[in-house]
Amino acid sequence: MTDTTRPELPDHLSIDPRSPHFVAAIFEHDIGIRFNGKERADVEEYCISEGWIKVPAGKTVDRKGNPLMLKLKGKVEAFYK
């Protein structure tokens, strides 16, 4: 697959379909997130320009059953694998 068939990665992306930052076309391809130089597989949401990612806080859930999120700040890079 060539890079011309892939959509451009947005500045802000979420894996939650209820979020306004969810883009289904992006998830048809395998993407990766590098945070402070290390690749992370547990990222739920990211923003490159503001420099943060959201990851689940262990097995802790809220009263609706959604995982609680931690917001970590640092250098964020998104890329296609």
N, C-alpha and C. Protein backbone atom coordinates (compact mmCIF):
# COMPACT_ATOMS: atom_id res chain seq x y z
N MET A 1 0.84 -1.17 0.00
CA MET A 1 0.00 0.00 0.00
C MET A 1 0.89 1.24 0.00
N THR A 2 0.56 2.19 -0.80
CA THR A 2 1.37 3.40 -0.88
C THR A 2 0.85 4.46 0.07
N ASP A 3 1.69 5.44 0.35
CA ASP A 3 1.30 6.51 1.26
C ASP A 3 0.21 7.40 0.68
N THR A 4 0.03 7.40 -0.65
CA THR A 4 -0.99 8.27 -1.25
C THR A 4 -2.40 7.77 -0.99
N THR A 5 -2.58 6.48 -0.67
CA THR A 5 -3.92 5.96 -0.41
C THR A 5 -4.32 6.12 1.05
N ARG A 6 -3.40 6.51 1.89
CA ARG A 6 -3.69 6.68 3.32
C ARG A 6 -4.10 8.13 3.59
N PRO A 7 -5.12 8.33 4.44
CA PRO A 7 -5.48 9.70 4.80
C PRO A 7 -4.40 10.29 5.72
N GLU A 8 -4.28 11.59 5.69
CA GLU A 8 -3.30 12.27 6.54
C GLU A 8 -3.71 12.12 8.00
N LEU A 9 -2.74 11.86 8.87
CA LEU A 9 -3.03 11.72 10.29
C LEU A 9 -3.39 13.08 10.88
N PRO A 10 -4.49 13.16 11.62
CA PRO A 10 -4.91 14.44 12.19
C PRO A 10 -4.08 14.82 13.41
N ASP A 11 -4.19 16.08 13.81
CA ASP A 11 -3.49 16.58 14.98
C ASP A 11 -4.08 15.99 16.26
N HIS A 12 -5.39 15.76 16.27
CA HIS A 12 -6.09 15.25 17.45
C HIS A 12 -6.94 14.07 17.01
N LEU A 13 -6.74 12.90 17.64
CA LEU A 13 -7.45 11.69 17.23
C LEU A 13 -7.84 10.88 18.46
N SER A 14 -9.04 10.30 18.42
CA SER A 14 -9.54 9.46 19.50
C SER A 14 -10.03 8.14 18.94
N ILE A 15 -9.93 7.05 19.74
CA ILE A 15 -10.45 5.76 19.28
C ILE A 15 -11.90 5.56 19.69
N ASP A 16 -12.45 6.47 20.48
CA ASP A 16 -13.84 6.37 20.93
C ASP A 16 -14.78 6.88 19.83
N PRO A 17 -15.67 6.03 19.30
CA PRO A 17 -16.57 6.45 18.21
C PRO A 17 -17.52 7.58 18.60
N ARG A 18 -17.74 7.80 19.91
CA ARG A 18 -18.62 8.89 20.35
C ARG A 18 -17.93 10.25 20.36
N SER A 19 -16.62 10.25 20.23
CA SER A 19 -15.84 11.48 20.27
C SER A 19 -15.93 12.24 18.95
N PRO A 20 -15.91 13.58 19.00
CA PRO A 20 -15.87 14.35 17.75
C PRO A 20 -14.53 14.24 17.03
N HIS A 21 -13.53 13.68 17.69
CA HIS A 21 -12.19 13.53 17.10
C HIS A 21 -11.95 12.13 16.54
N PHE A 22 -12.99 11.34 16.41
CA PHE A 22 -12.90 9.99 15.84
C PHE A 22 -13.01 10.07 14.33
N VAL A 23 -12.06 9.43 13.61
CA VAL A 23 -12.06 9.39 12.15
C VAL A 23 -11.93 7.92 11.75
N ALA A 24 -13.03 7.34 11.26
CA ALA A 24 -13.06 5.90 10.95
C ALA A 24 -12.07 5.52 9.85
N ALA A 25 -11.85 6.39 8.88
CA ALA A 25 -10.94 6.08 7.76
C ALA A 25 -9.51 5.86 8.23
N ILE A 26 -9.11 6.52 9.30
CA ILE A 26 -7.75 6.36 9.84
C ILE A 26 -7.55 4.94 10.37
N PHE A 27 -8.57 4.38 11.01
CA PHE A 27 -8.43 3.08 11.67
C PHE A 27 -8.53 1.90 10.72
N GLU A 28 -8.72 2.17 9.43
CA GLU A 28 -8.63 1.11 8.43
C GLU A 28 -7.18 0.73 8.19
N HIS A 29 -6.25 1.56 8.64
CA HIS A 29 -4.81 1.33 8.50
C HIS A 29 -4.20 1.14 9.89
N ASP A 30 -3.05 0.52 9.94
CA ASP A 30 -2.35 0.28 11.20
C ASP A 30 -1.53 1.52 11.53
N ILE A 31 -1.86 2.18 12.67
CA ILE A 31 -1.12 3.37 13.07
C ILE A 31 -0.40 3.11 14.38
N GLY A 32 0.60 3.93 14.64
CA GLY A 32 1.36 3.83 15.88
C GLY A 32 1.54 5.20 16.49
N ILE A 33 1.76 5.22 17.81
CA ILE A 33 1.99 6.46 18.54
C ILE A 33 3.31 6.32 19.28
N ARG A 34 4.17 7.29 19.08
CA ARG A 34 5.45 7.34 19.80
C ARG A 34 5.35 8.49 20.79
N PHE A 35 5.53 8.18 22.07
CA PHE A 35 5.43 9.17 23.14
C PHE A 35 6.77 9.25 23.86
N ASN A 36 7.40 10.42 23.82
CA ASN A 36 8.72 10.65 24.40
C ASN A 36 9.74 9.61 23.93
N GLY A 37 9.68 9.28 22.64
CA GLY A 37 10.65 8.39 22.03
C GLY A 37 10.35 6.91 22.14
N LYS A 38 9.28 6.52 22.85
CA LYS A 38 8.92 5.11 23.00
C LYS A 38 7.55 4.87 22.39
N GLU A 39 7.44 3.76 21.67
CA GLU A 39 6.16 3.43 21.04
C GLU A 39 5.19 2.90 22.10
N ARG A 40 3.95 3.42 22.09
CA ARG A 40 2.93 3.01 23.05
C ARG A 40 1.78 2.34 22.32
N ALA A 41 1.25 1.28 22.88
CA ALA A 41 0.14 0.56 22.27
C ALA A 41 -1.17 0.79 23.01
N ASP A 42 -1.14 1.50 24.14
CA ASP A 42 -2.33 1.68 24.96
C ASP A 42 -2.95 3.08 24.87
N VAL A 43 -2.63 3.84 23.85
CA VAL A 43 -3.11 5.22 23.73
C VAL A 43 -4.56 5.23 23.24
N GLU A 44 -5.42 5.92 23.97
CA GLU A 44 -6.84 6.05 23.61
C GLU A 44 -7.10 7.33 22.82
N GLU A 45 -6.32 8.38 23.09
CA GLU A 45 -6.51 9.68 22.43
C GLU A 45 -5.19 10.43 22.48
N TYR A 46 -4.95 11.25 21.45
CA TYR A 46 -3.72 12.05 21.45
C TYR A 46 -3.97 13.41 20.82
N CYS A 47 -3.08 14.35 21.13
CA CYS A 47 -3.06 15.66 20.49
C CYS A 47 -1.60 16.03 20.31
N ILE A 48 -1.18 16.14 19.06
CA ILE A 48 0.23 16.42 18.77
C ILE A 48 0.60 17.87 19.11
N SER A 49 -0.24 18.83 18.72
CA SER A 49 0.10 20.24 18.92
C SER A 49 0.15 20.62 20.40
N GLU A 50 -0.72 20.02 21.23
CA GLU A 50 -0.71 20.32 22.66
C GLU A 50 0.23 19.41 23.44
N GLY A 51 0.69 18.31 22.82
CA GLY A 51 1.68 17.43 23.43
C GLY A 51 1.15 16.56 24.56
N TRP A 52 0.04 15.85 24.34
CA TRP A 52 -0.48 14.96 25.37
C TRP A 52 -1.11 13.71 24.76
N ILE A 53 -1.19 12.67 25.59
CA ILE A 53 -1.90 11.44 25.24
C ILE A 53 -2.79 11.08 26.43
N LYS A 54 -3.83 10.30 26.17
CA LYS A 54 -4.67 9.76 27.23
C LYS A 54 -4.56 8.25 27.19
N VAL A 55 -4.26 7.67 28.36
CA VAL A 55 -4.13 6.23 28.50
C VAL A 55 -5.00 5.77 29.66
N PRO A 56 -5.48 4.50 29.64
CA PRO A 56 -6.29 4.01 30.75
C PRO A 56 -5.47 3.90 32.03
N ALA A 57 -6.13 4.17 33.16
CA ALA A 57 -5.48 4.10 34.48
C ALA A 57 -5.67 2.71 35.06
N GLY A 58 -4.95 1.74 34.53
CA GLY A 58 -5.07 0.37 35.01
C GLY A 58 -6.43 -0.22 34.71
N LYS A 59 -7.00 -0.92 35.67
CA LYS A 59 -8.31 -1.55 35.49
C LYS A 59 -9.44 -0.71 36.10
N THR A 60 -9.14 0.50 36.53
CA THR A 60 -10.12 1.36 37.15
C THR A 60 -11.15 1.84 36.13
N VAL A 61 -12.43 1.74 36.50
CA VAL A 61 -13.51 2.18 35.61
C VAL A 61 -14.42 3.15 36.34
N ASP A 62 -15.13 3.97 35.56
CA ASP A 62 -16.11 4.86 36.16
C ASP A 62 -17.43 4.11 36.35
N ARG A 63 -18.46 4.80 36.81
CA ARG A 63 -19.73 4.12 37.11
C ARG A 63 -20.47 3.65 35.87
N LYS A 64 -20.06 4.12 34.70
CA LYS A 64 -20.67 3.67 33.44
C LYS A 64 -19.88 2.53 32.80
N GLY A 65 -18.78 2.13 33.43
CA GLY A 65 -17.97 1.03 32.92
C GLY A 65 -16.86 1.44 31.98
N ASN A 66 -16.68 2.74 31.76
CA ASN A 66 -15.60 3.23 30.90
C ASN A 66 -14.32 3.36 31.71
N PRO A 67 -13.17 3.05 31.12
CA PRO A 67 -11.92 3.17 31.88
C PRO A 67 -11.60 4.63 32.21
N LEU A 68 -11.04 4.85 33.39
CA LEU A 68 -10.58 6.18 33.76
C LEU A 68 -9.29 6.47 33.01
N MET A 69 -9.13 7.69 32.54
CA MET A 69 -8.00 8.06 31.71
C MET A 69 -7.01 8.95 32.46
N LEU A 70 -5.74 8.72 32.17
CA LEU A 70 -4.65 9.58 32.64
C LEU A 70 -4.18 10.40 31.45
N LYS A 71 -3.93 11.67 31.67
CA LYS A 71 -3.42 12.55 30.61
C LYS A 71 -1.93 12.75 30.87
N LEU A 72 -1.10 12.26 29.96
CA LEU A 72 0.34 12.39 30.08
C LEU A 72 0.84 13.41 29.07
N LYS A 73 1.74 14.28 29.50
CA LYS A 73 2.27 15.32 28.63
C LYS A 73 3.70 15.00 28.22
N GLY A 74 3.99 15.31 26.96
CA GLY A 74 5.32 15.06 26.41
C GLY A 74 5.29 15.20 24.90
N LYS A 75 6.32 14.69 24.24
CA LYS A 75 6.43 14.77 22.79
C LYS A 75 5.65 13.61 22.16
N VAL A 76 4.70 13.94 21.28
CA VAL A 76 3.84 12.94 20.65
C VAL A 76 4.09 12.90 19.15
N GLU A 77 4.25 11.70 18.62
CA GLU A 77 4.41 11.49 17.18
C GLU A 77 3.44 10.38 16.75
N ALA A 78 2.68 10.63 15.69
CA ALA A 78 1.79 9.61 15.13
C ALA A 78 2.35 9.20 13.78
N PHE A 79 2.24 7.89 13.45
CA PHE A 79 2.80 7.41 12.20
C PHE A 79 2.04 6.16 11.76
N TYR A 80 2.13 5.87 10.46
CA TYR A 80 1.60 4.62 9.93
C TYR A 80 2.67 3.55 10.03
N LYS A 81 2.27 2.36 10.41
CA LYS A 81 3.21 1.24 10.52
C LYS A 81 3.41 0.59 9.17
